[in-house]
Protein backbone atom coordinates (compact mmCIF):
# COMPACT_ATOMS: atom_id res chain seq x y z
CA GLY A 1 45.47 -22.87 31.41
CA LEU A 2 46.79 -23.10 27.87
CA GLN A 3 43.57 -24.80 26.68
CA ILE A 4 41.35 -22.07 28.22
CA ALA A 5 43.68 -19.36 26.83
CA ASN A 6 43.53 -20.77 23.23
CA ARG A 7 39.71 -21.03 23.44
CA LEU A 8 39.58 -17.40 24.48
CA THR A 9 41.93 -16.48 21.69
CA SER A 10 39.58 -18.15 19.15
CA GLN A 11 36.56 -16.27 20.61
CA ILE A 12 38.40 -12.88 20.56
CA THR A 13 39.56 -13.23 16.89
CA GLY A 14 36.07 -14.46 15.91
CA LEU A 15 34.38 -11.45 17.56
CA GLY A 16 36.69 -9.17 15.56
CA VAL A 17 35.55 -10.72 12.33
CA ALA A 18 31.85 -10.68 13.50
CA THR A 19 32.19 -6.90 14.20
CA ARG A 20 33.48 -6.29 10.65
CA ASN A 21 30.51 -8.43 9.33
CA ALA A 22 28.03 -6.26 11.32
CA ASN A 23 29.69 -3.13 9.97
CA ASP A 24 29.26 -4.53 6.42
CA GLY A 25 25.54 -5.15 7.21
CA ILE A 26 25.18 -1.53 8.34
CA SER A 27 26.87 -0.30 5.15
CA LEU A 28 24.66 -2.51 2.96
CA ALA A 29 21.49 -1.32 4.71
CA GLN A 30 22.52 2.33 4.42
CA THR A 31 23.20 1.85 0.63
CA ALA A 32 19.72 0.36 0.07
CA GLU A 33 18.00 2.87 2.23
CA GLY A 34 19.60 5.77 0.42
CA ALA A 35 18.51 4.44 -2.95
CA LEU A 36 15.04 3.87 -1.55
CA GLN A 37 14.89 7.43 -0.34
CA GLN A 38 15.65 8.67 -3.87
CA SER A 39 12.87 6.30 -5.20
CA THR A 40 10.48 7.87 -2.76
CA GLY A 41 11.28 11.31 -4.11
CA ILE A 42 10.60 10.08 -7.62
CA LEU A 43 7.23 8.64 -6.54
CA GLN A 44 6.36 11.96 -4.87
CA ARG A 45 7.06 13.77 -8.10
CA MET A 46 4.91 11.29 -9.94
CA ARG A 47 2.06 11.96 -7.49
CA ASP A 48 2.36 15.68 -8.01
CA LEU A 49 2.03 15.05 -11.86
CA ALA A 50 -0.99 12.82 -11.35
CA LEU A 51 -2.71 15.44 -9.25
CA GLN A 52 -1.84 18.05 -11.91
CA SER A 53 -3.28 15.78 -14.68
CA ALA A 54 -6.50 15.11 -12.80
CA ASN A 55 -7.29 18.83 -12.86
CA GLY A 56 -10.04 19.77 -15.25
CA SER A 57 -8.11 22.68 -16.52
CA ASN A 58 -5.80 20.34 -18.58
CA GLY A 59 -6.61 18.93 -21.96
CA ALA A 60 -5.30 15.94 -23.86
CA ILE A 61 -2.13 17.85 -25.00
CA GLU A 62 -1.21 18.92 -21.45
CA ARG A 63 -1.86 15.44 -20.00
CA SER A 64 0.20 13.82 -22.76
CA ALA A 65 3.12 16.09 -21.77
CA LEU A 66 2.75 15.26 -18.14
CA GLN A 67 2.56 11.52 -18.99
CA GLY A 68 5.94 11.92 -20.88
CA GLU A 69 7.59 12.98 -17.67
CA VAL A 70 6.02 10.04 -15.79
CA ALA A 71 7.44 7.65 -18.35
CA GLN A 72 10.91 9.05 -17.80
CA LEU A 73 10.38 8.74 -14.03
CA GLN A 74 9.30 5.14 -14.40
CA GLN A 75 12.48 4.36 -16.34
CA GLU A 76 14.57 5.99 -13.61
CA LEU A 77 12.93 3.91 -10.91
CA ASN A 78 13.77 0.79 -12.86
CA ARG A 79 17.35 2.08 -13.30
CA ILE A 80 17.82 2.54 -9.59
CA SER A 81 16.38 -0.86 -8.98
CA ASP A 82 18.60 -2.63 -11.52
CA THR A 83 21.89 -1.00 -10.68
CA THR A 84 21.95 -0.37 -6.89
CA SER A 85 24.56 -2.80 -5.54
CA PHE A 86 26.91 -3.38 -2.60
CA GLY A 87 30.28 -5.03 -3.21
CA GLY A 88 29.14 -6.11 -6.71
CA ARG A 89 25.89 -7.70 -5.44
CA LYS A 90 22.62 -6.10 -6.64
CA ILE A 91 20.29 -5.38 -3.69
CA LEU A 92 17.14 -3.81 -5.02
CA ASP A 93 16.31 -5.83 -8.20
CA GLY A 94 14.58 -8.63 -6.19
CA SER A 95 17.53 -11.07 -6.31
CA PHE A 96 18.85 -10.28 -2.75
CA GLY A 97 15.97 -11.87 -1.00
CA SER A 98 16.77 -12.79 2.65
CA GLN A 99 20.39 -13.15 3.62
CA SER A 100 22.11 -13.95 6.94
CA PHE A 101 24.94 -11.90 8.44
CA GLN A 102 27.38 -13.78 10.76
CA VAL A 103 27.48 -11.61 13.79
CA GLY A 104 28.99 -13.96 16.38
CA SER A 105 32.05 -16.12 16.93
CA ASN A 106 30.17 -19.31 16.75
CA ALA A 107 28.01 -21.15 14.10
CA TYR A 108 24.47 -19.83 13.36
CA GLU A 109 24.81 -16.59 15.37
CA THR A 110 23.34 -14.58 12.60
CA ILE A 111 20.97 -11.67 11.79
CA SER A 112 18.77 -11.99 8.73
CA VAL A 113 18.24 -9.03 6.37
CA SER A 114 15.49 -9.08 3.76
CA ILE A 115 15.31 -6.57 0.91
CA GLY A 116 12.59 -6.77 -1.79
CA SER A 117 12.49 -5.33 -5.28
CA ALA A 118 11.94 -1.62 -6.02
CA ALA A 119 11.19 -2.13 -9.63
CA THR A 120 8.06 -0.51 -11.07
CA ASP A 121 6.35 -3.82 -11.71
CA ARG A 122 6.82 -4.93 -8.12
CA ILE A 123 5.51 -1.87 -6.15
CA GLY A 124 2.02 -0.44 -6.09
CA ILE A 125 -1.36 -1.17 -4.56
CA ASN A 126 -3.12 -4.42 -4.09
CA ARG A 127 -6.80 -4.38 -5.18
CA VAL A 128 -9.97 -6.35 -5.48
CA THR A 129 -12.93 -4.69 -7.10
CA THR A 130 -16.54 -5.94 -6.53
CA SER A 131 -18.69 -6.77 -9.63
CA GLY A 132 -21.79 -4.62 -8.56
CA GLY A 133 -24.02 -6.17 -11.11
CA ALA A 134 -26.03 -4.88 -14.07
CA ALA A 135 -28.54 -2.09 -13.79
CA GLN A 136 -31.99 -3.26 -12.76
CA ALA A 137 -35.33 -1.86 -14.07
CA ILE A 138 -38.86 -1.62 -12.64
CA ALA A 139 -42.09 -1.17 -14.45
CA SER A 140 -44.48 1.69 -13.85
CA GLY A 141 -45.99 1.72 -10.37
CA ALA A 142 -43.53 -0.91 -9.12
CA ALA A 143 -40.96 -0.60 -6.24
CA PHE A 144 -37.44 -1.92 -6.04
CA SER A 145 -37.30 -5.22 -4.07
CA ALA A 146 -34.42 -7.46 -2.99
CA THR A 147 -34.30 -8.95 -6.58
CA SER A 148 -34.82 -5.84 -8.59
CA GLY A 149 -33.00 -3.49 -6.08
CA SER A 150 -29.54 -3.44 -4.58
CA ALA A 151 -26.81 -5.99 -5.28
CA TYR A 152 -25.74 -5.19 -1.88
CA SER A 153 -28.91 -5.79 -0.02
CA SER A 154 -27.37 -8.59 2.15
CA THR A 155 -23.63 -8.67 1.82
CA SER A 156 -20.91 -10.41 3.92
CA PHE A 157 -17.27 -11.48 3.32
CA ASN A 158 -13.95 -12.03 5.17
CA ILE A 159 -10.79 -10.25 4.51
CA ASN A 160 -7.55 -12.23 5.18
CA SER A 161 -4.62 -9.88 5.38
CA LYS A 162 -1.05 -9.54 6.63
CA LEU A 163 -2.23 -7.84 9.81
CA SER A 164 -5.21 -10.02 10.73
CA ASP A 165 -8.51 -11.37 9.45
CA GLY A 166 -11.64 -9.30 9.60
CA ASP A 167 -15.29 -10.21 9.02
CA VAL A 168 -17.44 -7.62 7.20
CA ALA A 169 -21.15 -8.03 7.15
CA ILE A 170 -23.90 -5.75 5.65
CA SER A 171 -27.56 -6.60 6.27
CA GLY A 172 -30.03 -4.11 5.20
CA ALA A 173 -32.96 -3.43 2.98
CA ALA A 174 -32.98 -3.55 -0.80
CA SER A 175 -31.59 -0.15 -0.87
CA GLY A 176 -28.14 -1.06 0.47
CA SER A 177 -25.21 0.51 -1.43
CA ALA A 178 -21.56 0.16 -2.33
CA SER A 179 -20.82 3.14 -0.07
CA GLU A 180 -22.19 1.27 2.93
CA VAL A 181 -19.96 -1.68 2.12
CA ALA A 182 -16.90 0.62 1.91
CA ARG A 183 -17.77 2.15 5.21
CA ALA A 184 -18.03 -1.22 6.82
CA VAL A 185 -14.61 -2.20 5.38
CA ASN A 186 -12.99 1.08 6.52
CA ALA A 187 -14.42 0.54 10.02
CA LYS A 188 -12.10 -2.57 10.31
CA SER A 189 -9.10 -1.11 8.40
CA ASP A 190 -7.08 -0.82 11.62
CA GLU A 191 -7.48 -4.57 12.07
CA THR A 192 -6.98 -5.64 8.45
CA GLY A 193 -4.86 -2.93 6.80
CA VAL A 194 -7.40 -2.90 3.98
CA THR A 195 -9.26 0.27 2.96
CA ALA A 196 -12.19 0.65 0.59
CA ASN A 197 -13.35 3.23 -1.96
CA SER A 198 -16.82 3.14 -3.54
CA ARG A 199 -17.97 4.80 -6.75
CA THR A 200 -21.02 4.51 -8.98
CA VAL A 201 -20.93 5.18 -12.66
CA ALA A 202 -23.73 4.81 -15.08
CA THR A 203 -24.81 5.89 -18.53
CA LEU A 204 -28.23 7.27 -19.31
CA GLY A 205 -29.07 7.06 -22.89
CA GLY A 206 -31.55 5.64 -25.38
CA ILE A 207 -33.50 8.78 -25.64
CA THR A 208 -34.80 8.76 -29.13
CA ALA A 209 -37.55 11.47 -29.18
CA SER A 210 -37.29 15.08 -28.50
CA GLY A 211 -39.53 16.82 -25.94
CA THR A 212 -39.66 17.19 -22.29
CA VAL A 213 -37.89 14.45 -20.18
CA SER A 214 -38.56 14.31 -16.42
CA PHE A 215 -37.83 11.85 -13.59
CA ASN A 216 -37.01 11.49 -9.94
CA LEU A 217 -33.29 11.03 -9.34
CA SER A 218 -31.71 9.98 -6.07
CA GLY A 219 -28.47 8.65 -4.60
CA VAL A 220 -29.65 5.73 -2.64
CA THR A 221 -28.51 3.90 0.55
CA SER A 222 -30.37 1.76 3.11
CA LYS A 223 -31.17 4.92 5.01
CA SER A 224 -32.59 6.83 2.02
CA LYS A 225 -36.21 8.16 1.95
CA ASP A 226 -38.47 9.00 -0.90
CA SER A 227 -38.22 12.68 -0.05
CA ASP A 228 -34.42 12.51 -0.77
CA ALA A 229 -35.16 12.24 -4.54
CA ALA A 230 -34.92 15.39 -6.60
CA THR A 231 -37.20 16.02 -9.60
CA VAL A 232 -35.20 16.50 -12.82
CA SER A 233 -36.76 18.08 -15.89
CA ALA A 234 -35.39 19.36 -19.11
CA VAL A 235 -36.46 19.95 -22.66
CA VAL A 236 -34.51 17.95 -25.15
CA THR A 237 -34.55 19.47 -28.60
CA ASP A 238 -31.76 17.34 -30.14
CA THR A 239 -31.41 13.76 -29.05
CA THR A 240 -27.66 13.75 -30.02
CA ASP A 241 -26.99 16.53 -27.52
CA LEU A 242 -28.25 15.95 -24.03
CA LYS A 243 -26.58 18.82 -22.42
CA SER A 244 -29.78 20.44 -21.24
CA LEU A 245 -30.73 17.32 -19.32
CA ALA A 246 -27.16 17.03 -17.80
CA ASP A 247 -27.40 20.62 -16.67
CA ALA A 248 -30.68 19.89 -14.98
CA ILE A 249 -29.14 16.90 -13.17
CA ASN A 250 -26.21 19.03 -12.02
CA ARG A 251 -28.46 21.62 -10.56
CA GLU A 252 -29.64 18.86 -8.04
CA THR A 253 -26.19 17.47 -7.23
CA ALA A 254 -26.18 19.05 -3.80
CA LYS A 255 -29.24 17.02 -2.94
CA THR A 256 -28.49 13.76 -4.80
CA GLY A 257 -24.80 13.51 -4.64
CA ILE A 258 -24.95 12.70 -8.41
CA SER A 259 -23.10 14.65 -11.19
CA ALA A 260 -23.60 14.47 -14.91
CA VAL A 261 -21.43 14.87 -17.94
CA SER A 262 -23.01 15.19 -21.45
CA LYS A 263 -21.37 12.92 -24.03
CA GLY A 264 -23.45 13.60 -27.02
CA ASP A 265 -26.45 11.32 -27.12
CA THR A 266 -25.65 9.81 -23.61
CA ILE A 267 -25.01 11.29 -20.16
CA GLU A 268 -22.49 9.86 -17.77
CA LEU A 269 -23.80 9.82 -14.24
CA VAL A 270 -21.41 9.54 -11.33
CA SER A 271 -21.88 9.14 -7.55
CA SER A 272 -18.41 9.64 -6.10
CA ARG A 273 -19.70 8.39 -2.78
CA GLY A 274 -20.79 5.04 -4.18
CA ASP A 275 -24.49 5.57 -3.54
CA ALA A 276 -26.78 3.74 -5.92
CA ILE A 277 -27.99 5.82 -8.88
CA GLN A 278 -31.77 5.44 -8.96
CA ILE A 279 -34.29 6.84 -11.47
CA THR A 280 -38.07 6.52 -10.83
CA ASN A 281 -41.27 7.97 -12.35
CA TYR A 282 -39.63 8.53 -15.77
CA ALA A 283 -41.70 10.57 -18.33
CA GLY A 284 -40.52 11.19 -21.80
CA SER A 285 -41.39 10.17 -25.32
CA GLY A 286 -39.70 6.99 -26.48
CA GLY A 287 -38.33 5.95 -23.02
CA ALA A 288 -34.68 5.66 -22.12
CA SER A 289 -32.09 3.12 -20.82
CA LEU A 290 -29.55 2.93 -17.89
CA GLN A 291 -26.22 1.10 -18.30
CA ALA A 292 -24.13 0.30 -15.22
CA LYS A 293 -20.40 0.95 -15.67
CA SER A 294 -17.12 -0.14 -14.02
CA PHE A 295 -15.44 1.62 -11.22
CA ASP A 296 -13.42 3.86 -13.54
CA GLY A 297 -16.27 4.10 -16.09
CA ALA A 298 -14.30 2.36 -18.83
CA ASP A 299 -16.30 -0.82 -19.19
CA ASP A 300 -19.99 -1.86 -19.20
CA VAL A 301 -21.32 -4.00 -16.34
CA GLY A 302 -23.96 -6.32 -17.72
CA THR A 303 -26.46 -5.13 -20.17
CA ALA A 304 -28.44 -1.86 -20.31
CA SER A 305 -31.78 -1.79 -18.69
CA THR A 306 -34.73 -0.15 -20.51
CA ILE A 307 -36.58 2.53 -18.62
CA ALA A 308 -40.28 2.40 -19.63
CA GLU A 309 -42.78 5.25 -19.26
CA GLY A 310 -43.53 5.67 -15.63
CA GLY A 311 -40.86 3.15 -14.59
CA GLY A 312 -37.33 3.42 -13.38
CA ALA A 313 -33.98 1.87 -13.18
CA ARG A 314 -31.15 1.52 -10.65
CA ALA A 315 -27.38 1.08 -11.03
CA ASP A 316 -25.22 -0.04 -8.10
CA GLY A 317 -21.68 1.08 -7.64
CA GLN A 318 -18.56 -0.91 -7.22
CA VAL A 319 -16.34 -1.18 -4.22
CA GLN A 320 -12.63 -1.25 -4.66
CA LEU A 321 -10.68 -2.85 -1.67
CA GLU A 322 -7.01 -1.63 -1.33
CA ALA A 323 -3.98 -2.59 0.74
CA ALA A 324 -0.24 -2.13 0.47
CA ASP A 325 0.25 -5.82 1.02
CA ALA A 326 -1.55 -8.78 -0.72
CA PHE A 327 -4.77 -9.98 0.84
CA GLN A 328 -7.57 -12.49 0.20
CA VAL A 329 -11.31 -12.02 0.16
CA THR A 330 -13.46 -15.11 1.04
CA GLY A 331 -17.05 -15.98 1.71
CA MET A 332 -18.36 -13.18 -0.62
CA THR A 333 -22.14 -12.88 -0.91
CA GLY A 334 -24.51 -10.38 -2.47
CA GLY A 335 -23.19 -8.34 -5.45
CA LEU A 336 -19.56 -8.65 -4.50
CA GLY A 337 -18.50 -11.26 -7.04
CA SER A 338 -16.41 -14.31 -6.31
CA ASP A 339 -13.73 -15.09 -3.69
CA GLY A 340 -10.19 -14.46 -4.66
CA PHE A 341 -6.77 -12.84 -4.00
CA SER A 342 -5.91 -9.24 -4.58
CA GLU A 343 -4.05 -8.30 -7.65
CA LEU A 344 -1.15 -5.76 -7.82
CA ASP A 345 -1.79 -2.60 -9.78
CA ALA A 346 1.91 -1.69 -10.18
CA VAL A 347 3.61 1.58 -10.88
CA ASN A 348 4.56 0.46 -14.49
CA THR A 349 0.91 0.53 -15.48
CA ILE A 350 0.43 4.24 -14.60
CA ASP A 351 -0.85 6.39 -17.46
CA ILE A 352 -2.00 9.87 -16.51
CA SER A 353 -2.85 10.86 -20.13
CA THR A 354 -6.49 10.82 -19.11
CA ALA A 355 -8.26 12.28 -16.04
CA THR A 356 -9.49 8.76 -15.11
CA GLY A 357 -6.01 7.34 -15.33
CA ALA A 358 -4.64 10.21 -13.19
CA GLN A 359 -7.20 9.42 -10.49
CA ASP A 360 -6.35 5.76 -10.59
CA ALA A 361 -2.51 6.56 -10.48
CA LEU A 362 -2.86 8.27 -7.14
CA GLY A 363 -3.98 5.10 -5.37
CA ILE A 364 -1.17 3.19 -7.13
CA ILE A 365 1.50 5.74 -6.16
CA ASN A 366 0.27 5.91 -2.61
CA GLY A 367 0.65 2.13 -2.35
CA ALA A 368 4.11 2.19 -3.84
CA ILE A 369 5.23 4.88 -1.39
CA SER A 370 3.83 2.67 1.40
CA ASN A 371 5.75 -0.33 0.08
CA ILE A 372 8.99 1.54 0.03
CA ASP A 373 8.44 3.23 3.44
CA SER A 374 7.94 -0.29 4.84
CA GLN A 375 11.25 -1.42 3.49
CA ARG A 376 13.01 1.68 4.68
CA ALA A 377 11.61 1.19 8.18
CA GLN A 378 12.87 -2.37 8.24
CA LEU A 379 16.34 -1.28 7.10
CA GLY A 380 16.43 1.39 9.73
CA ALA A 381 15.42 -1.16 12.40
CA VAL A 382 18.12 -3.61 11.21
CA GLN A 383 20.75 -0.87 11.21
CA ASN A 384 20.02 -0.08 14.91
CA ARG A 385 20.20 -3.89 15.56
CA PHE A 386 23.62 -4.12 14.02
CA GLU A 387 24.86 -1.12 16.01
CA ASN A 388 23.77 -2.65 19.24
CA THR A 389 25.30 -5.94 18.22
CA ILE A 390 28.61 -4.28 17.53
CA SER A 391 28.65 -2.64 21.00
CA ASN A 392 27.93 -6.03 22.56
CA LEU A 393 30.62 -7.68 20.59
CA GLN A 394 33.15 -5.12 21.54
CA ASN A 395 32.17 -5.54 25.20
CA ILE A 396 32.58 -9.32 24.99
CA ALA A 397 35.95 -9.02 23.20
CA GLU A 398 37.27 -6.56 25.84
CA ASN A 399 36.42 -8.80 28.77
CA SER A 400 37.55 -11.90 26.98
CA SER A 401 40.92 -10.30 26.39
CA ALA A 402 41.26 -9.30 30.03
CA ALA A 403 40.52 -12.96 31.02
CA ARG A 404 43.04 -14.34 28.55
CA SER A 405 45.62 -11.82 29.85
CA ARG A 406 45.17 -13.05 33.35
CA ILE A 407 45.93 -16.48 32.26
CA ARG A 408 48.80 -16.02 29.81
CA ASP A 409 50.47 -12.70 30.57
CA THR A 410 53.05 -12.02 33.34
CA ASP A 411 51.87 -10.04 36.37
CA PHE A 412 54.80 -7.58 36.17
CA ALA A 413 53.91 -5.88 39.55
CA ALA A 414 53.95 -9.16 41.43
CA GLU A 415 57.13 -10.32 39.75
CA THR A 416 58.84 -7.00 40.30
CA SER A 417 57.94 -7.21 43.93
CA GLU A 418 59.21 -10.76 44.25
CA LEU A 419 62.41 -9.80 42.46
CA THR A 420 63.00 -6.78 44.77
CA LYS A 421 62.42 -9.03 47.81
CA ASN A 422 64.88 -11.53 46.57
CA GLN A 423 67.43 -8.89 45.70
CA ILE A 424 67.17 -7.54 49.26
CA LEU A 425 67.54 -10.96 50.78
CA GLN A 426 70.56 -11.62 48.52
CA GLN A 427 72.16 -8.35 49.44
CA ALA A 428 71.61 -9.02 53.17
CA GLY A 429 72.99 -12.37 52.91
CA THR A 430 76.06 -11.11 51.03
CA ALA A 431 76.65 -8.45 53.71
CA ILE A 432 76.40 -11.00 56.51
CA LEU A 433 78.81 -13.35 54.74
CA ALA A 434 81.27 -10.40 54.25
CA GLN A 435 81.15 -9.58 57.92
CA ALA A 436 81.72 -13.14 58.84
CA ASN A 437 84.77 -13.30 56.66
CA GLN A 438 86.28 -10.31 58.43
CA LEU A 439 86.33 -12.12 61.85
CA PRO A 440 89.62 -13.43 63.08
């Protein structure tokens, strides 16, 4: 009995310590979750600023002022990450990792808690951007083929993500487009957790002679028809100012999905859907050129293609794959580029001093909010687990104490009853003896 009672005592005292440990776990999780909630508020403010900067009503001075506030918010995010601590231990700077909380009276009865970094260089969006390829040209009377047409005419690849793997295959005519690849990726986003955006940017330039410039312009996919093209015509009086041609292109935007911005002696063409930008039947003294650009329009892709009289050119867009968690793309064919892992575009790289930077920042901030929301969800779940653990520990301790009491403690009711019985018997015996002594 003594051995059993001592074993129960060890269990009961251990359960008391385990309960305190679990309460410490709840307090730590609440501390981290509260700091992450504040970080989410900061990111939401940064998102508002990015949306404001992306608006065309703002100029360089206004965007610079908005970026100044973003820089301060980036510093505050880092300060929260660096200084949030529990019991002297930092919990949001990435050093906490995964720790075990002893929530039982015996060895290895633990609950693991993982907390990642909330620093600006560790949260954001994971991306892979396809190469797309250089603009392709055709001569007068020729048509685009699989070699002179789309980089996405036959495309396939596999996405290996945290959720699951997903195969994406696009098999179409020479007129396949980045927009179709993006749609195929998004169709499997529920499986992979990876989404896609497509965009086509190209520069039309090389117009060296004034006069009338005309061509057929279309935003091309595998389902496009010749009748989808719009005829663009404008009189160019100054080859260093192509605004008249840009205006003519914009008048057909509803049909082509392509917008134009005059930049002196060049025009930036953009298909926000990611359809290929295709020019055919070009007519104009001196010819022209078409240069494919990167997703954000900042860099050239390959070399410019010369558009000859009566000929044409085509620029394919790029596809940007995005996910909150890291992923891998394998088996890439077509114009996608080479296999590889996603790269993190982090919050510390955000710069909304330009309209393009503001647009890019939105994706990064959305990814960062998703990162933090995921951590907060895990912390909320572990808090609930700790609370259930505490309830169970208290139940075990209560029943173990009752069991030990039955072994070690006196049953006062039984002993009192026995004492009363013995007292009655003693008193009865005494009375009988007294009566016996009175007999002669």
